[in-house]
């Protein structure tokens, strides 16, 4: 049986400790940062019956983290299939993040021949397929005010005309507008003096709200981020900003929204906004 002196044992232990403490950076080479020209990313429409459908396959084969802006949304998956909501020449913007934290971008054009897969009509209504401007519906006697939650469909109690909006929200009455943009699902509020506030929006048309008699009262929910609609506040809650609205009407010409404080009962006070698409 082989034996070791205590000095040999100490020498072996020291060698093991030294090797365990060697730096490992050289064995963990993550590669250098790549440029936008070196990106290997594709956006390919799925072909159905010989035409490019509105489903697009995304594929990132580069050593970077992924972020794909496809207009109506964003995905961070390395590979994904997304739904485009408009026909014609569209753009998908890829942003990659290198291991060193730097970001690179590349714009990928895609041709959408037809909306083979169903698209919520509300994208077209709000953005017109690109961007659409909405203003107060001055054809109505009242464009903002309150009425009964789950009962009214427009301002019926406290009713303000367009000319009276500035008293509640300076610069957000006559001459003010909202622009809903498909690219990035962006909402821009433009005040009468040209000052702008920009954020985002989304909607969920599965959130249907019924009136007491079982009829549909609200057809979905509109949620904004970083910006409200014109005069978007709740007077009954200290004029706090409102970022979630019931959609009562949305079509090519008119948008009617409502909001009631949490816990509101039928015929409690709710606020209403009445807009029209600008010609």
C-alpha atoms as a PDB file:
ATOM      1  CA  UNK A   1       0.000   0.000   0.000  1.00  0.00           C
ATOM      2  CA  UNK A   2       1.405   3.342  -1.056  1.00  0.00           C
ATOM      3  CA  UNK A   3       1.875   5.933   1.680  1.00  0.00           C
ATOM      4  CA  UNK A   4       2.505   9.677   1.578  1.00  0.00           C
ATOM      5  CA  UNK A   5       4.371  11.902   3.954  1.00  0.00           C
ATOM      6  CA  UNK A   6       2.540  14.812   5.465  1.00  0.00           C
ATOM      7  CA  UNK A   7       4.590  17.132   3.272  1.00  0.00           C
ATOM      8  CA  UNK A   8       3.451  15.320   0.106  1.00  0.00           C
ATOM      9  CA  UNK A   9      -0.165  15.560   1.219  1.00  0.00           C
ATOM     10  CA  UNK A  10       0.117  19.309   1.803  1.00  0.00           C
ATOM     11  CA  UNK A  11       1.706  19.750  -1.643  1.00  0.00           C
ATOM     12  CA  UNK A  12      -1.138  17.856  -3.332  1.00  0.00           C
ATOM     13  CA  UNK A  13      -3.762  19.882  -1.445  1.00  0.00           C
ATOM     14  CA  UNK A  14      -2.117  23.160  -2.410  1.00  0.00           C
ATOM     15  CA  UNK A  15      -2.056  22.121  -6.073  1.00  0.00           C
ATOM     16  CA  UNK A  16      -5.769  21.286  -5.966  1.00  0.00           C
ATOM     17  CA  UNK A  17      -6.622  24.601  -4.320  1.00  0.00           C
ATOM     18  CA  UNK A  18      -4.561  26.511  -6.860  1.00  0.00           C
ATOM     19  CA  UNK A  19      -6.283  24.827  -9.806  1.00  0.00           C
ATOM     20  CA  UNK A  20      -9.736  25.434  -8.254  1.00  0.00           C
ATOM     21  CA  UNK A  21      -9.015  29.144  -7.906  1.00  0.00           C
ATOM     22  CA  UNK A  22      -7.815  29.685 -11.467  1.00  0.00           C
ATOM     23  CA  UNK A  23      -9.941  32.294 -13.270  1.00  0.00           C
ATOM     24  CA  UNK A  24     -12.585  30.802 -15.560  1.00  0.00           C
ATOM     25  CA  UNK A  25     -13.173  33.818 -17.794  1.00  0.00           C
ATOM     26  CA  UNK A  26     -11.060  32.362 -20.616  1.00  0.00           C
ATOM     27  CA  UNK A  27     -13.226  29.241 -20.649  1.00  0.00           C
ATOM     28  CA  UNK A  28     -16.474  31.284 -20.751  1.00  0.00           C
ATOM     29  CA  UNK A  29     -15.868  33.329 -23.873  1.00  0.00           C
ATOM     30  CA  UNK A  30     -19.298  34.693 -24.865  1.00  0.00           C
ATOM     31  CA  UNK A  31     -18.023  36.175 -28.108  1.00  0.00           C
ATOM     32  CA  UNK A  32     -17.871  39.802 -29.137  1.00  0.00           C
ATOM     33  CA  UNK A  33     -20.781  42.076 -29.832  1.00  0.00           C
ATOM     34  CA  UNK A  34     -22.190  41.863 -33.354  1.00  0.00           C
ATOM     35  CA  UNK A  35     -23.394  44.681 -35.564  1.00  0.00           C
ATOM     36  CA  UNK A  36     -26.770  45.153 -37.209  1.00  0.00           C
ATOM     37  CA  UNK A  37     -25.229  44.039 -40.514  1.00  0.00           C
ATOM     38  CA  UNK A  38     -24.264  40.727 -38.908  1.00  0.00           C
ATOM     39  CA  UNK A  39     -27.762  39.955 -37.654  1.00  0.00           C
ATOM     40  CA  UNK A  40     -29.263  36.719 -38.944  1.00  0.00           C
ATOM     41  CA  UNK A  41     -32.983  37.312 -38.479  1.00  0.00           C
ATOM     42  CA  UNK A  42     -35.949  36.673 -40.744  1.00  0.00           C
ATOM     43  CA  UNK A  43     -39.651  37.540 -40.875  1.00  0.00           C
ATOM     44  CA  UNK A  44     -41.479  35.286 -43.313  1.00  0.00           C
ATOM     45  CA  UNK A  45     -45.212  35.469 -44.089  1.00  0.00           C
ATOM     46  CA  UNK A  46     -46.953  32.102 -44.107  1.00  0.00           C
ATOM     47  CA  UNK A  47     -48.253  31.420 -47.603  1.00  0.00           C
ATOM     48  CA  UNK A  48     -51.848  30.226 -47.935  1.00  0.00           C
ATOM     49  CA  UNK A  49     -53.296  29.418 -51.382  1.00  0.00           C
ATOM     50  CA  UNK A  50     -50.358  31.127 -53.050  1.00  0.00           C
ATOM     51  CA  UNK A  51     -50.704  34.406 -51.141  1.00  0.00           C
ATOM     52  CA  UNK A  52     -48.860  35.864 -48.176  1.00  0.00           C
ATOM     53  CA  UNK A  53     -51.182  35.584 -45.195  1.00  0.00           C
ATOM     54  CA  UNK A  54     -51.161  37.867 -42.182  1.00  0.00           C
ATOM     55  CA  UNK A  55     -49.353  35.321 -40.026  1.00  0.00           C
ATOM     56  CA  UNK A  56     -45.599  35.896 -40.028  1.00  0.00           C
ATOM     57  CA  UNK A  57     -42.928  33.498 -38.755  1.00  0.00           C
ATOM     58  CA  UNK A  58     -40.087  35.208 -36.873  1.00  0.00           C
ATOM     59  CA  UNK A  59     -36.664  33.589 -36.450  1.00  0.00           C
ATOM     60  CA  UNK A  60     -33.557  34.935 -34.724  1.00  0.00           C
ATOM     61  CA  UNK A  61     -30.419  32.873 -35.378  1.00  0.00           C
ATOM     62  CA  UNK A  62     -28.025  35.438 -33.921  1.00  0.00           C
ATOM     63  CA  UNK A  63     -26.353  35.371 -30.458  1.00  0.00           C
ATOM     64  CA  UNK A  64     -28.486  38.257 -29.151  1.00  0.00           C
ATOM     65  CA  UNK A  65     -31.638  38.631 -27.106  1.00  0.00           C
ATOM     66  CA  UNK A  66     -34.753  39.318 -29.154  1.00  0.00           C
ATOM     67  CA  UNK A  67     -37.416  41.991 -29.312  1.00  0.00           C
ATOM     68  CA  UNK A  68     -39.732  42.107 -32.331  1.00  0.00           C
ATOM     69  CA  UNK A  69     -42.057  45.095 -32.822  1.00  0.00           C
ATOM     70  CA  UNK A  70     -44.655  43.942 -35.350  1.00  0.00           C
ATOM     71  CA  UNK A  71     -46.889  46.986 -35.175  1.00  0.00           C
ATOM     72  CA  UNK A  72     -49.773  45.846 -33.009  1.00  0.00           C
ATOM     73  CA  UNK A  73     -47.551  44.236 -30.387  1.00  0.00           C
ATOM     74  CA  UNK A  74     -44.098  43.137 -29.274  1.00  0.00           C
ATOM     75  CA  UNK A  75     -42.653  39.677 -28.617  1.00  0.00           C
ATOM     76  CA  UNK A  76     -39.323  38.785 -26.980  1.00  0.00           C
ATOM     77  CA  UNK A  77     -39.220  35.179 -28.158  1.00  0.00           C
ATOM     78  CA  UNK A  78     -36.304  33.954 -30.249  1.00  0.00           C
ATOM     79  CA  UNK A  79     -38.773  32.347 -32.650  1.00  0.00           C
ATOM     80  CA  UNK A  80     -42.480  33.138 -32.823  1.00  0.00           C
ATOM     81  CA  UNK A  81     -45.458  33.467 -35.140  1.00  0.00           C
ATOM     82  CA  UNK A  82     -47.328  36.767 -34.968  1.00  0.00           C
ATOM     83  CA  UNK A  83     -50.543  38.164 -36.432  1.00  0.00           C
ATOM     84  CA  UNK A  84     -50.357  41.236 -38.636  1.00  0.00           C
ATOM     85  CA  UNK A  85     -53.492  43.368 -38.729  1.00  0.00           C
ATOM     86  CA  UNK A  86     -53.147  45.238 -42.031  1.00  0.00           C
ATOM     87  CA  UNK A  87     -52.420  44.357 -45.671  1.00  0.00           C
ATOM     88  CA  UNK A  88     -49.773  45.800 -47.961  1.00  0.00           C
ATOM     89  CA  UNK A  89     -46.110  46.504 -47.291  1.00  0.00           C
ATOM     90  CA  UNK A  90     -45.544  46.316 -43.539  1.00  0.00           C
ATOM     91  CA  UNK A  91     -42.445  46.558 -41.364  1.00  0.00           C
ATOM     92  CA  UNK A  92     -41.246  44.497 -38.440  1.00  0.00           C
ATOM     93  CA  UNK A  93     -38.521  46.091 -36.340  1.00  0.00           C
ATOM     94  CA  UNK A  94     -36.090  43.717 -34.651  1.00  0.00           C
ATOM     95  CA  UNK A  95     -34.029  44.928 -31.686  1.00  0.00           C
ATOM     96  CA  UNK A  96     -31.239  42.696 -30.448  1.00  0.00           C
ATOM     97  CA  UNK A  97     -29.287  43.021 -27.220  1.00  0.00           C
ATOM     98  CA  UNK A  98     -25.645  41.906 -27.217  1.00  0.00           C
ATOM     99  CA  UNK A  99     -23.997  40.217 -24.257  1.00  0.00           C
ATOM    100  CA  UNK A 100     -22.273  43.517 -23.430  1.00  0.00           C
ATOM    101  CA  UNK A 101     -25.626  45.324 -23.218  1.00  0.00           C
ATOM    102  CA  UNK A 102     -25.448  47.197 -26.524  1.00  0.00           C
ATOM    103  CA  UNK A 103     -28.525  47.198 -28.755  1.00  0.00           C
ATOM    104  CA  UNK A 104     -28.778  46.841 -32.518  1.00  0.00           C
ATOM    105  CA  UNK A 105     -31.851  47.128 -34.749  1.00  0.00           C
ATOM    106  CA  UNK A 106     -32.921  45.953 -38.160  1.00  0.00           C
ATOM    107  CA  UNK A 107     -36.111  46.687 -40.088  1.00  0.00           C
ATOM    108  CA  UNK A 108     -37.606  43.734 -41.931  1.00  0.00           C
ATOM    109  CA  UNK A 109     -40.150  44.543 -44.687  1.00  0.00           C
ATOM    110  CA  UNK A 110     -42.970  42.041 -45.178  1.00  0.00           C
ATOM    111  CA  UNK A 111     -45.674  41.999 -47.829  1.00  0.00           C
ATOM    112  CA  UNK A 112     -49.120  40.988 -46.545  1.00  0.00           C
ATOM    113  CA  UNK A 113     -51.441  40.064 -49.401  1.00  0.00           C
ATOM    114  CA  UNK A 114     -54.612  39.343 -47.470  1.00  0.00           C
ATOM    115  CA  UNK A 115     -56.001  38.990 -43.954  1.00  0.00           C
ATOM    116  CA  UNK A 116     -56.346  35.216 -44.147  1.00  0.00           C
ATOM    117  CA  UNK A 117     -56.585  34.945 -40.378  1.00  0.00           C
ATOM    118  CA  UNK A 118     -59.229  36.913 -38.500  1.00  0.00           C
ATOM    119  CA  UNK A 119     -58.147  40.274 -37.116  1.00  0.00           C
ATOM    120  CA  UNK A 120     -60.156  42.202 -34.521  1.00  0.00           C
ATOM    121  CA  UNK A 121     -61.924  44.910 -36.539  1.00  0.00           C
ATOM    122  CA  UNK A 122     -61.136  47.417 -33.799  1.00  0.00           C
ATOM    123  CA  UNK A 123     -57.511  47.706 -35.008  1.00  0.00           C
ATOM    124  CA  UNK A 124     -58.779  48.954 -38.337  1.00  0.00           C
ATOM    125  CA  UNK A 125     -61.381  51.212 -36.772  1.00  0.00           C
ATOM    126  CA  UNK A 126     -58.974  52.917 -34.384  1.00  0.00           C
ATOM    127  CA  UNK A 127     -55.893  53.162 -36.600  1.00  0.00           C
ATOM    128  CA  UNK A 128     -57.260  53.052 -40.136  1.00  0.00           C
ATOM    129  CA  UNK A 129     -54.583  50.442 -40.901  1.00  0.00           C
ATOM    130  CA  UNK A 130     -51.797  52.913 -40.125  1.00  0.00           C
ATOM    131  CA  UNK A 131     -52.879  55.833 -37.981  1.00  0.00           C
ATOM    132  CA  UNK A 132     -56.104  57.704 -37.459  1.00  0.00           C
ATOM    133  CA  UNK A 133     -56.957  60.988 -35.771  1.00  0.00           C
ATOM    134  CA  UNK A 134     -59.918  61.244 -33.410  1.00  0.00           C
ATOM    135  CA  UNK A 135     -61.510  64.437 -32.089  1.00  0.00           C
ATOM    136  CA  UNK A 136     -64.512  65.342 -29.959  1.00  0.00           C
ATOM    137  CA  UNK A 137     -67.760  64.589 -31.797  1.00  0.00           C
ATOM    138  CA  UNK A 138     -68.966  68.147 -32.173  1.00  0.00           C
ATOM    139  CA  UNK A 139     -72.096  66.941 -33.955  1.00  0.00           C
ATOM    140  CA  UNK A 140     -73.394  65.890 -30.527  1.00  0.00           C
ATOM    141  CA  UNK A 141     -74.804  68.366 -27.965  1.00  0.00           C
ATOM    142  CA  UNK A 142     -72.648  66.819 -25.214  1.00  0.00           C
ATOM    143  CA  UNK A 143     -69.271  65.108 -25.619  1.00  0.00           C
ATOM    144  CA  UNK A 144     -68.292  64.551 -21.985  1.00  0.00           C
ATOM    145  CA  UNK A 145     -70.091  64.298 -18.674  1.00  0.00           C
ATOM    146  CA  UNK A 146     -71.842  61.707 -16.578  1.00  0.00           C
ATOM    147  CA  UNK A 147     -74.834  59.430 -16.656  1.00  0.00           C
ATOM    148  CA  UNK A 148     -75.948  56.109 -15.251  1.00  0.00           C
ATOM    149  CA  UNK A 149     -73.528  53.184 -15.082  1.00  0.00           C
ATOM    150  CA  UNK A 150     -74.886  50.215 -17.084  1.00  0.00           C
ATOM    151  CA  UNK A 151     -77.839  52.377 -18.116  1.00  0.00           C
ATOM    152  CA  UNK A 152     -76.772  55.446 -20.076  1.00  0.00           C
ATOM    153  CA  UNK A 153     -74.915  55.324 -23.365  1.00  0.00           C
ATOM    154  CA  UNK A 154     -73.745  58.943 -23.419  1.00  0.00           C
ATOM    155  CA  UNK A 155     -73.634  61.977 -21.080  1.00  0.00           C
ATOM    156  CA  UNK A 156     -77.162  62.490 -19.745  1.00  0.00           C
ATOM    157  CA  UNK A 157     -76.913  64.197 -16.342  1.00  0.00           C
ATOM    158  CA  UNK A 158     -73.960  66.575 -16.283  1.00  0.00           C
ATOM    159  CA  UNK A 159     -73.396  67.354 -19.983  1.00  0.00           C
ATOM    160  CA  UNK A 160     -70.537  69.418 -21.442  1.00  0.00           C
ATOM    161  CA  UNK A 161     -70.133  70.592 -25.031  1.00  0.00           C
ATOM    162  CA  UNK A 162     -66.769  70.781 -26.787  1.00  0.00           C
ATOM    163  CA  UNK A 163     -66.532  74.488 -25.955  1.00  0.00           C
ATOM    164  CA  UNK A 164     -66.779  73.690 -22.223  1.00  0.00           C
ATOM    165  CA  UNK A 165     -64.063  71.016 -22.055  1.00  0.00           C
ATOM    166  CA  UNK A 166     -61.232  73.514 -21.492  1.00  0.00           C
ATOM    167  CA  UNK A 167     -62.834  74.420 -18.165  1.00  0.00           C
ATOM    168  CA  UNK A 168     -62.138  70.860 -17.014  1.00  0.00           C
ATOM    169  CA  UNK A 169     -58.937  70.071 -18.942  1.00  0.00           C
ATOM    170  CA  UNK A 170     -57.177  73.154 -20.363  1.00  0.00           C
ATOM    171  CA  UNK A 171     -56.072  72.690 -23.953  1.00  0.00           C
ATOM    172  CA  UNK A 172     -57.988  69.439 -24.421  1.00  0.00           C
ATOM    173  CA  UNK A 173     -61.207  70.843 -25.876  1.00  0.00           C
ATOM    174  CA  UNK A 174     -61.574  72.546 -29.236  1.00  0.00           C
ATOM    175  CA  UNK A 175     -58.543  71.984 -31.456  1.00  0.00           C
ATOM    176  CA  UNK A 176     -57.266  69.004 -29.459  1.00  0.00           C
ATOM    177  CA  UNK A 177     -56.998  65.517 -30.941  1.00  0.00           C
ATOM    178  CA  UNK A 178     -55.855  61.937 -30.364  1.00  0.00           C
ATOM    179  CA  UNK A 179     -53.845  59.878 -32.839  1.00  0.00           C
ATOM    180  CA  UNK A 180     -54.062  56.088 -32.635  1.00  0.00           C
ATOM    181  CA  UNK A 181     -51.091  54.547 -34.467  1.00  0.00           C
ATOM    182  CA  UNK A 182     -50.782  50.929 -35.474  1.00  0.00           C
ATOM    183  CA  UNK A 183     -46.982  51.012 -35.266  1.00  0.00           C
ATOM    184  CA  UNK A 184     -46.139  50.179 -31.679  1.00  0.00           C
ATOM    185  CA  UNK A 185     -49.812  50.463 -30.670  1.00  0.00           C
ATOM    186  CA  UNK A 186     -49.076  54.112 -29.859  1.00  0.00           C
ATOM    187  CA  UNK A 187     -51.522  56.753 -28.641  1.00  0.00           C
ATOM    188  CA  UNK A 188     -50.589  60.417 -28.963  1.00  0.00           C
ATOM    189  CA  UNK A 189     -52.675  63.152 -27.348  1.00  0.00           C
ATOM    190  CA  UNK A 190     -52.226  66.530 -29.036  1.00  0.00           C
ATOM    191  CA  UNK A 191     -53.436  69.566 -27.131  1.00  0.00           C
ATOM    192  CA  UNK A 192     -54.766  72.672 -28.821  1.00  0.00           C
ATOM    193  CA  UNK A 193     -51.415  74.462 -28.326  1.00  0.00           C
ATOM    194  CA  UNK A 194     -49.515  71.629 -30.041  1.00  0.00           C
ATOM    195  CA  UNK A 195     -48.187  70.064 -26.840  1.00  0.00           C
ATOM    196  CA  UNK A 196     -48.111  66.277 -27.132  1.00  0.00           C
ATOM    197  CA  UNK A 197     -48.253  63.361 -24.720  1.00  0.00           C
ATOM    198  CA  UNK A 198     -47.454  59.898 -26.027  1.00  0.00           C
ATOM    199  CA  UNK A 199     -48.105  56.459 -24.616  1.00  0.00           C
ATOM    200  CA  UNK A 200     -49.594  53.179 -25.715  1.00  0.00           C
ATOM    201  CA  UNK A 201     -52.947  51.462 -25.970  1.00  0.00           C
ATOM    202  CA  UNK A 202     -54.477  48.019 -26.115  1.00  0.00           C
ATOM    203  CA  UNK A 203     -57.978  46.638 -26.090  1.00  0.00           C
ATOM    204  CA  UNK A 204     -59.751  43.443 -25.166  1.00  0.00           C
ATOM    205  CA  UNK A 205     -63.043  42.850 -26.920  1.00  0.00           C
ATOM    206  CA  UNK A 206     -63.698  39.702 -24.889  1.00  0.00           C
ATOM    207  CA  UNK A 207     -64.496  41.819 -21.806  1.00  0.00           C
ATOM    208  CA  UNK A 208     -68.181  42.334 -22.520  1.00  0.00           C
ATOM    209  CA  UNK A 209     -70.284  44.095 -19.878  1.00  0.00           C
ATOM    210  CA  UNK A 210     -74.031  43.431 -19.671  1.00  0.00           C
ATOM    211  CA  UNK A 211     -76.759  45.793 -18.552  1.00  0.00           C
ATOM    212  CA  UNK A 212     -79.270  44.727 -15.901  1.00  0.00           C
ATOM    213  CA  UNK A 213     -81.656  43.446 -18.578  1.00  0.00           C
ATOM    214  CA  UNK A 214     -78.955  41.247 -20.105  1.00  0.00           C
ATOM    215  CA  UNK A 215     -78.292  43.411 -23.151  1.00  0.00           C
ATOM    216  CA  UNK A 216     -74.718  44.231 -24.101  1.00  0.00           C
ATOM    217  CA  UNK A 217     -73.813  47.597 -22.591  1.00  0.00           C
ATOM    218  CA  UNK A 218     -70.039  47.662 -23.238  1.00  0.00           C
ATOM    219  CA  UNK A 219     -68.421  45.690 -26.035  1.00  0.00           C
ATOM    220  CA  UNK A 220     -64.899  45.600 -24.641  1.00  0.00           C
ATOM    221  CA  UNK A 221     -62.184  47.453 -22.747  1.00  0.00           C
ATOM    222  CA  UNK A 222     -59.692  50.053 -23.954  1.00  0.00           C
ATOM    223  CA  UNK A 223     -56.552  50.415 -21.850  1.00  0.00           C
ATOM    224  CA  UNK A 224     -54.059  53.246 -22.291  1.00  0.00           C
ATOM    225  CA  UNK A 225     -50.516  53.437 -20.930  1.00  0.00           C
ATOM    226  CA  UNK A 226     -48.652  56.614 -20.095  1.00  0.00           C
ATOM    227  CA  UNK A 227     -51.389  58.851 -21.474  1.00  0.00           C
ATOM    228  CA  UNK A 228     -55.148  59.233 -21.092  1.00  0.00           C
ATOM    229  CA  UNK A 229     -57.723  60.107 -23.707  1.00  0.00           C
ATOM    230  CA  UNK A 230     -58.753  63.772 -23.939  1.00  0.00           C
ATOM    231  CA  UNK A 231     -60.073  64.986 -20.582  1.00  0.00           C
ATOM    232  CA  UNK A 232     -59.328  61.535 -19.215  1.00  0.00           C
ATOM    233  CA  UNK A 233     -60.054  61.966 -15.533  1.00  0.00           C
ATOM    234  CA  UNK A 234     -62.521  60.929 -12.860  1.00  0.00           C
ATOM    235  CA  UNK A 235     -64.012  63.944 -11.024  1.00  0.00           C
ATOM    236  CA  UNK A 236     -65.622  61.679  -8.417  1.00  0.00           C
ATOM    237  CA  UNK A 237     -62.188  60.401  -7.399  1.00  0.00           C
ATOM    238  CA  UNK A 238     -60.318  63.675  -7.066  1.00  0.00           C
ATOM    239  CA  UNK A 239     -59.729  64.052 -10.812  1.00  0.00           C
ATOM    240  CA  UNK A 240     -57.387  61.058 -10.933  1.00  0.00           C
ATOM    241  CA  UNK A 241     -56.311  60.021 -14.450  1.00  0.00           C
ATOM    242  CA  UNK A 242     -58.271  57.200 -16.060  1.00  0.00           C
ATOM    243  CA  UNK A 243     -56.423  54.520 -18.013  1.00  0.00           C
ATOM    244  CA  UNK A 244     -59.116  51.875 -18.515  1.00  0.00           C
ATOM    245  CA  UNK A 245     -62.377  52.538 -20.340  1.00  0.00           C
ATOM    246  CA  UNK A 246     -65.446  50.546 -21.288  1.00  0.00           C
ATOM    247  CA  UNK A 247     -65.988  50.627 -25.063  1.00  0.00           C
ATOM    248  CA  UNK A 248     -69.659  51.312 -25.767  1.00  0.00           C
ATOM    249  CA  UNK A 249     -69.319  52.098 -29.472  1.00  0.00           C
ATOM    250  CA  UNK A 250     -66.391  51.744 -31.875  1.00  0.00           C
ATOM    251  CA  UNK A 251     -66.660  51.853 -35.650  1.00  0.00           C
ATOM    252  CA  UNK A 252     -65.202  53.764 -38.581  1.00  0.00           C
ATOM    253  CA  UNK A 253     -66.864  56.988 -37.463  1.00  0.00           C
ATOM    254  CA  UNK A 254     -67.534  57.037 -33.730  1.00  0.00           C
ATOM    255  CA  UNK A 255     -65.879  56.052 -30.466  1.00  0.00           C
ATOM    256  CA  UNK A 256     -67.858  56.240 -27.206  1.00  0.00           C
ATOM    257  CA  UNK A 257     -66.120  55.335 -23.955  1.00  0.00           C
ATOM    258  CA  UNK A 258     -67.221  55.150 -20.346  1.00  0.00           C
ATOM    259  CA  UNK A 259     -65.676  54.817 -16.901  1.00  0.00           C
ATOM    260  CA  UNK A 260     -67.132  54.220 -13.445  1.00  0.00           C
ATOM    261  CA  UNK A 261     -65.181  53.984 -10.177  1.00  0.00           C
ATOM    262  CA  UNK A 262     -64.490  50.440  -8.927  1.00  0.00           C
ATOM    263  CA  UNK A 263     -67.464  48.911  -7.153  1.00  0.00           C
ATOM    264  CA  UNK A 264     -70.033  51.056  -8.963  1.00  0.00           C
ATOM    265  CA  UNK A 265     -73.592  49.742  -8.958  1.00  0.00           C
ATOM    266  CA  UNK A 266     -76.145  50.082 -11.760  1.00  0.00           C
ATOM    267  CA  UNK A 267     -77.130  53.732 -12.249  1.00  0.00           C
ATOM    268  CA  UNK A 268     -74.292  55.039 -10.095  1.00  0.00           C
ATOM    269  CA  UNK A 269     -72.481  57.921 -11.794  1.00  0.00           C
ATOM    270  CA  UNK A 270     -70.294  56.927 -14.730  1.00  0.00           C
ATOM    271  CA  UNK A 271     -68.422  59.253 -17.101  1.00  0.00           C
ATOM    272  CA  UNK A 272     -68.728  59.224 -20.871  1.00  0.00           C
ATOM    273  CA  UNK A 273     -66.515  60.387 -23.748  1.00  0.00           C
ATOM    274  CA  UNK A 274     -67.881  60.869 -27.286  1.00  0.00           C
ATOM    275  CA  UNK A 275     -65.358  61.107 -30.152  1.00  0.00           C
ATOM    276  CA  UNK A 276     -65.487  60.972 -33.948  1.00  0.00           C
ATOM    277  CA  UNK A 277     -62.902  60.090 -36.561  1.00  0.00           C
ATOM    278  CA  UNK A 278     -61.509  63.201 -38.236  1.00  0.00           C
ATOM    279  CA  UNK A 279     -62.353  63.433 -41.936  1.00  0.00           C
END
